[in-house]
């Protein structure tokens, strides 16, 4: 997201992206929190965590990063 460019300080761009993608960020945080709290760190939970993170960082999967 930061490599795309745009205007503003990196922290501001991250905050704007997070705001535009609030529901996805909340879902991801919830899922990752559940995995962490379960203390079950298996290949299955690792796979779920990886998928959740990939969804957040995959180009084009969420709202535009251009400012």
PDB file of N, CA and C in Angstrom:
ATOM      1  N   UNK A   1       0.818  -1.176   0.000  1.00  0.00           N
ATOM      2  CA  UNK A   1       0.000   0.000   0.000  1.00  0.00           C
ATOM      3  C   UNK A   1       0.872   1.253   0.000  1.00  0.00           C
ATOM      4  N   UNK A   2       1.935   1.226   0.766  1.00  0.00           N
ATOM      5  CA  UNK A   2       2.797   2.400   0.827  1.00  0.00           C
ATOM      6  C   UNK A   2       3.587   2.583  -0.469  1.00  0.00           C
ATOM      7  N   UNK A   3       3.858   1.483  -1.183  1.00  0.00           N
ATOM      8  CA  UNK A   3       4.622   1.567  -2.425  1.00  0.00           C
ATOM      9  C   UNK A   3       3.825   2.210  -3.550  1.00  0.00           C
ATOM     10  N   UNK A   4       2.504   2.226  -3.446  1.00  0.00           N
ATOM     11  CA  UNK A   4       1.658   2.792  -4.489  1.00  0.00           C
ATOM     12  C   UNK A   4       1.884   4.286  -4.608  1.00  0.00           C
ATOM     13  N   UNK A   5       2.249   4.893  -3.528  1.00  0.00           N
ATOM     14  CA  UNK A   5       2.475   6.331  -3.548  1.00  0.00           C
ATOM     15  C   UNK A   5       1.268   7.079  -3.024  1.00  0.00           C
ATOM     16  N   UNK A   6       1.156   8.293  -3.437  1.00  0.00           N
ATOM     17  CA  UNK A   6       0.057   9.120  -2.964  1.00  0.00           C
ATOM     18  C   UNK A   6       0.604  10.266  -2.147  1.00  0.00           C
ATOM     19  N   UNK A   7      -0.310  11.038  -1.639  1.00  0.00           N
ATOM     20  CA  UNK A   7       0.087  12.224  -0.881  1.00  0.00           C
ATOM     21  C   UNK A   7       0.001  11.946   0.610  1.00  0.00           C
ATOM     22  N   UNK A   8       0.809  12.650   1.366  1.00  0.00           N
ATOM     23  CA  UNK A   8       0.750  12.550   2.816  1.00  0.00           C
ATOM     24  C   UNK A   8       1.834  11.661   3.398  1.00  0.00           C
ATOM     25  N   UNK A   9       1.956  11.767   4.692  1.00  0.00           N
ATOM     26  CA  UNK A   9       2.912  10.985   5.460  1.00  0.00           C
ATOM     27  C   UNK A   9       2.429   9.535   5.500  1.00  0.00           C
ATOM     28  N   UNK A  10       3.351   8.610   5.585  1.00  0.00           N
ATOM     29  CA  UNK A  10       3.000   7.195   5.577  1.00  0.00           C
ATOM     30  C   UNK A  10       1.929   6.859   6.614  1.00  0.00           C
ATOM     31  N   UNK A  11       2.058   7.374   7.806  1.00  0.00           N
ATOM     32  CA  UNK A  11       1.074   7.102   8.857  1.00  0.00           C
ATOM     33  C   UNK A  11      -0.314   7.593   8.492  1.00  0.00           C
ATOM     34  N   UNK A  12      -0.365   8.735   7.826  1.00  0.00           N
ATOM     35  CA  UNK A  12      -1.655   9.275   7.382  1.00  0.00           C
ATOM     36  C   UNK A  12      -2.265   8.403   6.296  1.00  0.00           C
ATOM     37  N   UNK A  13      -1.424   7.909   5.384  1.00  0.00           N
ATOM     38  CA  UNK A  13      -1.919   7.052   4.312  1.00  0.00           C
ATOM     39  C   UNK A  13      -2.419   5.732   4.866  1.00  0.00           C
ATOM     40  N   UNK A  14      -1.715   5.183   5.858  1.00  0.00           N
ATOM     41  CA  UNK A  14      -2.164   3.945   6.491  1.00  0.00           C
ATOM     42  C   UNK A  14      -3.502   4.171   7.185  1.00  0.00           C
ATOM     43  N   UNK A  15      -3.633   5.277   7.904  1.00  0.00           N
ATOM     44  CA  UNK A  15      -4.879   5.584   8.602  1.00  0.00           C
ATOM     45  C   UNK A  15      -6.036   5.759   7.615  1.00  0.00           C
ATOM     46  N   UNK A  16      -5.777   6.405   6.487  1.00  0.00           N
ATOM     47  CA  UNK A  16      -6.818   6.589   5.470  1.00  0.00           C
ATOM     48  C   UNK A  16      -7.226   5.242   4.880  1.00  0.00           C
ATOM     49  N   UNK A  17      -6.245   4.389   4.579  1.00  0.00           N
ATOM     50  CA  UNK A  17      -6.535   3.053   4.044  1.00  0.00           C
ATOM     51  C   UNK A  17      -7.353   2.254   5.053  1.00  0.00           C
ATOM     52  N   UNK A  18      -6.932   2.300   6.316  1.00  0.00           N
ATOM     53  CA  UNK A  18      -7.642   1.569   7.366  1.00  0.00           C
ATOM     54  C   UNK A  18      -9.087   2.054   7.486  1.00  0.00           C
ATOM     55  N   UNK A  19      -9.287   3.355   7.363  1.00  0.00           N
ATOM     56  CA  UNK A  19     -10.628   3.918   7.432  1.00  0.00           C
ATOM     57  C   UNK A  19     -11.489   3.433   6.265  1.00  0.00           C
ATOM     58  N   UNK A  20     -10.920   3.432   5.066  1.00  0.00           N
ATOM     59  CA  UNK A  20     -11.661   2.984   3.886  1.00  0.00           C
ATOM     60  C   UNK A  20     -11.982   1.495   3.948  1.00  0.00           C
ATOM     61  N   UNK A  21     -11.198   0.737   4.678  1.00  0.00           N
ATOM     62  CA  UNK A  21     -11.356  -0.715   4.742  1.00  0.00           C
ATOM     63  C   UNK A  21     -11.689  -1.189   6.153  1.00  0.00           C
ATOM     64  N   UNK A  22     -12.393  -0.357   6.901  1.00  0.00           N
ATOM     65  CA  UNK A  22     -12.646  -0.617   8.318  1.00  0.00           C
ATOM     66  C   UNK A  22     -13.293  -1.977   8.573  1.00  0.00           C
ATOM     67  N   UNK A  23     -14.273  -2.363   7.776  1.00  0.00           N
ATOM     68  CA  UNK A  23     -14.952  -3.634   8.044  1.00  0.00           C
ATOM     69  C   UNK A  23     -14.010  -4.817   7.830  1.00  0.00           C
ATOM     70  N   UNK A  24     -13.193  -4.778   6.787  1.00  0.00           N
ATOM     71  CA  UNK A  24     -12.241  -5.862   6.537  1.00  0.00           C
ATOM     72  C   UNK A  24     -11.172  -5.918   7.630  1.00  0.00           C
ATOM     73  N   UNK A  25     -10.715  -4.747   8.055  1.00  0.00           N
ATOM     74  CA  UNK A  25      -9.703  -4.693   9.118  1.00  0.00           C
ATOM     75  C   UNK A  25     -10.286  -5.238  10.422  1.00  0.00           C
ATOM     76  N   UNK A  26     -11.529  -4.875  10.729  1.00  0.00           N
ATOM     77  CA  UNK A  26     -12.176  -5.379  11.947  1.00  0.00           C
ATOM     78  C   UNK A  26     -12.362  -6.894  11.898  1.00  0.00           C
ATOM     79  N   UNK A  27     -12.795  -7.406  10.742  1.00  0.00           N
ATOM     80  CA  UNK A  27     -12.951  -8.865  10.599  1.00  0.00           C
ATOM     81  C   UNK A  27     -11.618  -9.575  10.792  1.00  0.00           C
ATOM     82  N   UNK A  28     -10.586  -9.045  10.152  1.00  0.00           N
ATOM     83  CA  UNK A  28      -9.262  -9.650  10.259  1.00  0.00           C
ATOM     84  C   UNK A  28      -8.764  -9.616  11.699  1.00  0.00           C
ATOM     85  N   UNK A  29      -8.912  -8.473  12.353  1.00  0.00           N
ATOM     86  CA  UNK A  29      -8.472  -8.354  13.749  1.00  0.00           C
ATOM     87  C   UNK A  29      -9.246  -9.324  14.635  1.00  0.00           C
ATOM     88  N   UNK A  30     -10.536  -9.466  14.379  1.00  0.00           N
ATOM     89  CA  UNK A  30     -11.343 -10.401  15.163  1.00  0.00           C
ATOM     90  C   UNK A  30     -10.896 -11.837  14.978  1.00  0.00           C
ATOM     91  N   UNK A  31     -10.682 -12.220  13.734  1.00  0.00           N
ATOM     92  CA  UNK A  31     -10.248 -13.585  13.442  1.00  0.00           C
ATOM     93  C   UNK A  31      -8.880 -13.863  14.048  1.00  0.00           C
ATOM     94  N   UNK A  32      -7.950 -12.950  13.853  1.00  0.00           N
ATOM     95  CA  UNK A  32      -6.607 -13.140  14.409  1.00  0.00           C
ATOM     96  C   UNK A  32      -6.643 -13.149  15.937  1.00  0.00           C
ATOM     97  N   UNK A  33      -7.504 -12.321  16.521  1.00  0.00           N
ATOM     98  CA  UNK A  33      -7.657 -12.306  17.976  1.00  0.00           C
ATOM     99  C   UNK A  33      -8.193 -13.628  18.497  1.00  0.00           C
ATOM    100  N   UNK A  34      -9.176 -14.196  17.798  1.00  0.00           N
ATOM    101  CA  UNK A  34      -9.729 -15.492  18.201  1.00  0.00           C
ATOM    102  C   UNK A  34      -8.670 -16.587  18.143  1.00  0.00           C
ATOM    103  N   UNK A  35      -7.866 -16.554  17.090  1.00  0.00           N
ATOM    104  CA  UNK A  35      -6.791 -17.552  16.970  1.00  0.00           C
ATOM    105  C   UNK A  35      -5.818 -17.392  18.130  1.00  0.00           C
ATOM    106  N   UNK A  36      -5.428 -16.164  18.411  1.00  0.00           N
ATOM    107  CA  UNK A  36      -4.466 -15.899  19.487  1.00  0.00           C
ATOM    108  C   UNK A  36      -5.018 -16.350  20.836  1.00  0.00           C
ATOM    109  N   UNK A  37      -6.272 -16.000  21.110  1.00  0.00           N
ATOM    110  CA  UNK A  37      -6.874 -16.340  22.392  1.00  0.00           C
ATOM    111  C   UNK A  37      -7.102 -17.844  22.552  1.00  0.00           C
ATOM    112  N   UNK A  38      -7.276 -18.553  21.443  1.00  0.00           N
ATOM    113  CA  UNK A  38      -7.508 -19.999  21.518  1.00  0.00           C
ATOM    114  C   UNK A  38      -6.239 -20.748  21.930  1.00  0.00           C
ATOM    115  N   UNK A  39      -5.092 -20.112  21.701  1.00  0.00           N
ATOM    116  CA  UNK A  39      -3.792 -20.722  21.973  1.00  0.00           C
ATOM    117  C   UNK A  39      -3.624 -22.050  21.236  1.00  0.00           C
ATOM    118  N   UNK A  40      -4.316 -22.181  20.123  1.00  0.00           N
ATOM    119  CA  UNK A  40      -4.178 -23.368  19.268  1.00  0.00           C
ATOM    120  C   UNK A  40      -3.490 -22.925  17.987  1.00  0.00           C
ATOM    121  N   UNK A  41      -2.204 -23.082  17.972  1.00  0.00           N
ATOM    122  CA  UNK A  41      -1.414 -22.650  16.837  1.00  0.00           C
ATOM    123  C   UNK A  41      -1.036 -23.879  16.022  1.00  0.00           C
ATOM    124  N   UNK A  42      -1.919 -24.231  15.104  1.00  0.00           N
ATOM    125  CA  UNK A  42      -1.743 -25.419  14.272  1.00  0.00           C
ATOM    126  C   UNK A  42      -1.591 -24.985  12.816  1.00  0.00           C
ATOM    127  N   UNK A  43      -1.372 -25.974  11.944  1.00  0.00           N
ATOM    128  CA  UNK A  43      -1.312 -25.648  10.527  1.00  0.00           C
ATOM    129  C   UNK A  43      -2.641 -25.069  10.045  1.00  0.00           C
ATOM    130  N   UNK A  44      -3.730 -25.530  10.617  1.00  0.00           N
ATOM    131  CA  UNK A  44      -5.044 -25.020  10.226  1.00  0.00           C
ATOM    132  C   UNK A  44      -5.196 -23.561  10.615  1.00  0.00           C
ATOM    133  N   UNK A  45      -4.872 -23.223  11.853  1.00  0.00           N
ATOM    134  CA  UNK A  45      -5.012 -21.827  12.274  1.00  0.00           C
ATOM    135  C   UNK A  45      -4.011 -20.930  11.553  1.00  0.00           C
ATOM    136  N   UNK A  46      -2.823 -21.461  11.275  1.00  0.00           N
ATOM    137  CA  UNK A  46      -1.836 -20.698  10.515  1.00  0.00           C
ATOM    138  C   UNK A  46      -2.362 -20.422   9.109  1.00  0.00           C
ATOM    139  N   UNK A  47      -3.002 -21.403   8.508  1.00  0.00           N
ATOM    140  CA  UNK A  47      -3.576 -21.231   7.180  1.00  0.00           C
ATOM    141  C   UNK A  47      -4.667 -20.160   7.188  1.00  0.00           C
ATOM    142  N   UNK A  48      -5.521 -20.184   8.195  1.00  0.00           N
ATOM    143  CA  UNK A  48      -6.581 -19.181   8.310  1.00  0.00           C
ATOM    144  C   UNK A  48      -5.972 -17.801   8.498  1.00  0.00           C
ATOM    145  N   UNK A  49      -5.002 -17.690   9.383  1.00  0.00           N
ATOM    146  CA  UNK A  49      -4.354 -16.400   9.636  1.00  0.00           C
ATOM    147  C   UNK A  49      -3.688 -15.867   8.369  1.00  0.00           C
ATOM    148  N   UNK A  50      -3.033 -16.732   7.637  1.00  0.00           N
ATOM    149  CA  UNK A  50      -2.373 -16.328   6.403  1.00  0.00           C
ATOM    150  C   UNK A  50      -3.387 -15.825   5.381  1.00  0.00           C
ATOM    151  N   UNK A  51      -4.503 -16.531   5.255  1.00  0.00           N
ATOM    152  CA  UNK A  51      -5.548 -16.114   4.314  1.00  0.00           C
ATOM    153  C   UNK A  51      -6.109 -14.742   4.693  1.00  0.00           C
ATOM    154  N   UNK A  52      -6.340 -14.528   5.987  1.00  0.00           N
ATOM    155  CA  UNK A  52      -6.880 -13.251   6.459  1.00  0.00           C
ATOM    156  C   UNK A  52      -5.916 -12.113   6.134  1.00  0.00           C
ATOM    157  N   UNK A  53      -4.657 -12.322   6.401  1.00  0.00           N
ATOM    158  CA  UNK A  53      -3.650 -11.288   6.128  1.00  0.00           C
ATOM    159  C   UNK A  53      -3.499 -11.069   4.631  1.00  0.00           C
ATOM    160  N   UNK A  54      -3.495 -12.158   3.856  1.00  0.00           N
ATOM    161  CA  UNK A  54      -3.377 -12.043   2.400  1.00  0.00           C
ATOM    162  C   UNK A  54      -4.519 -11.191   1.837  1.00  0.00           C
ATOM    163  N   UNK A  55      -5.722 -11.372   2.371  1.00  0.00           N
ATOM    164  CA  UNK A  55      -6.865 -10.584   1.915  1.00  0.00           C
ATOM    165  C   UNK A  55      -6.622  -9.093   2.146  1.00  0.00           C
ATOM    166  N   UNK A  56      -6.000  -8.759   3.254  1.00  0.00           N
ATOM    167  CA  UNK A  56      -5.731  -7.353   3.552  1.00  0.00           C
ATOM    168  C   UNK A  56      -4.656  -6.753   2.656  1.00  0.00           C
ATOM    169  N   UNK A  57      -3.678  -7.547   2.263  1.00  0.00           N
ATOM    170  CA  UNK A  57      -2.538  -6.989   1.534  1.00  0.00           C
ATOM    171  C   UNK A  57      -2.562  -7.253   0.035  1.00  0.00           C
ATOM    172  N   UNK A  58      -3.455  -8.103  -0.447  1.00  0.00           N
ATOM    173  CA  UNK A  58      -3.506  -8.417  -1.867  1.00  0.00           C
ATOM    174  C   UNK A  58      -3.942  -7.196  -2.678  1.00  0.00           C
ATOM    175  N   UNK A  59      -3.198  -6.857  -3.708  1.00  0.00           N
ATOM    176  CA  UNK A  59      -3.594  -5.720  -4.545  1.00  0.00           C
ATOM    177  C   UNK A  59      -4.981  -5.940  -5.138  1.00  0.00           C
ATOM    178  N   UNK A  60      -5.798  -4.909  -5.043  1.00  0.00           N
ATOM    179  CA  UNK A  60      -7.125  -4.965  -5.637  1.00  0.00           C
ATOM    180  C   UNK A  60      -8.175  -5.690  -4.833  1.00  0.00           C
ATOM    181  N   UNK A  61      -7.808  -6.271  -3.682  1.00  0.00           N
ATOM    182  CA  UNK A  61      -8.794  -7.020  -2.912  1.00  0.00           C
ATOM    183  C   UNK A  61      -9.657  -6.115  -2.035  1.00  0.00           C
ATOM    184  N   UNK A  62      -9.192  -4.915  -1.773  1.00  0.00           N
ATOM    185  CA  UNK A  62      -9.932  -3.977  -0.925  1.00  0.00           C
ATOM    186  C   UNK A  62     -10.022  -2.625  -1.627  1.00  0.00           C
ATOM    187  N   UNK A  63     -10.479  -1.639  -0.901  1.00  0.00           N
ATOM    188  CA  UNK A  63     -10.626  -0.283  -1.435  1.00  0.00           C
ATOM    189  C   UNK A  63      -9.283   0.236  -1.964  1.00  0.00           C
ATOM    190  N   UNK A  64      -9.351   1.069  -2.918  1.00  0.00           N
ATOM    191  CA  UNK A  64      -8.168   1.640  -3.551  1.00  0.00           C
ATOM    192  C   UNK A  64      -7.235   2.278  -2.539  1.00  0.00           C
ATOM    193  N   UNK A  65      -5.939   2.136  -2.778  1.00  0.00           N
ATOM    194  CA  UNK A  65      -4.945   2.752  -1.902  1.00  0.00           C
ATOM    195  C   UNK A  65      -4.528   4.121  -2.400  1.00  0.00           C
ATOM    196  N   UNK A  66      -4.968   4.501  -3.566  1.00  0.00           N
ATOM    197  CA  UNK A  66      -4.596   5.810  -4.100  1.00  0.00           C
ATOM    198  C   UNK A  66      -5.287   6.900  -3.302  1.00  0.00           C
ATOM    199  N   UNK A  67      -4.584   7.973  -3.037  1.00  0.00           N
ATOM    200  CA  UNK A  67      -5.148   9.040  -2.221  1.00  0.00           C
ATOM    201  C   UNK A  67      -5.537  10.149  -3.007  1.00  0.00           C
TER     202      UNK A  67
END
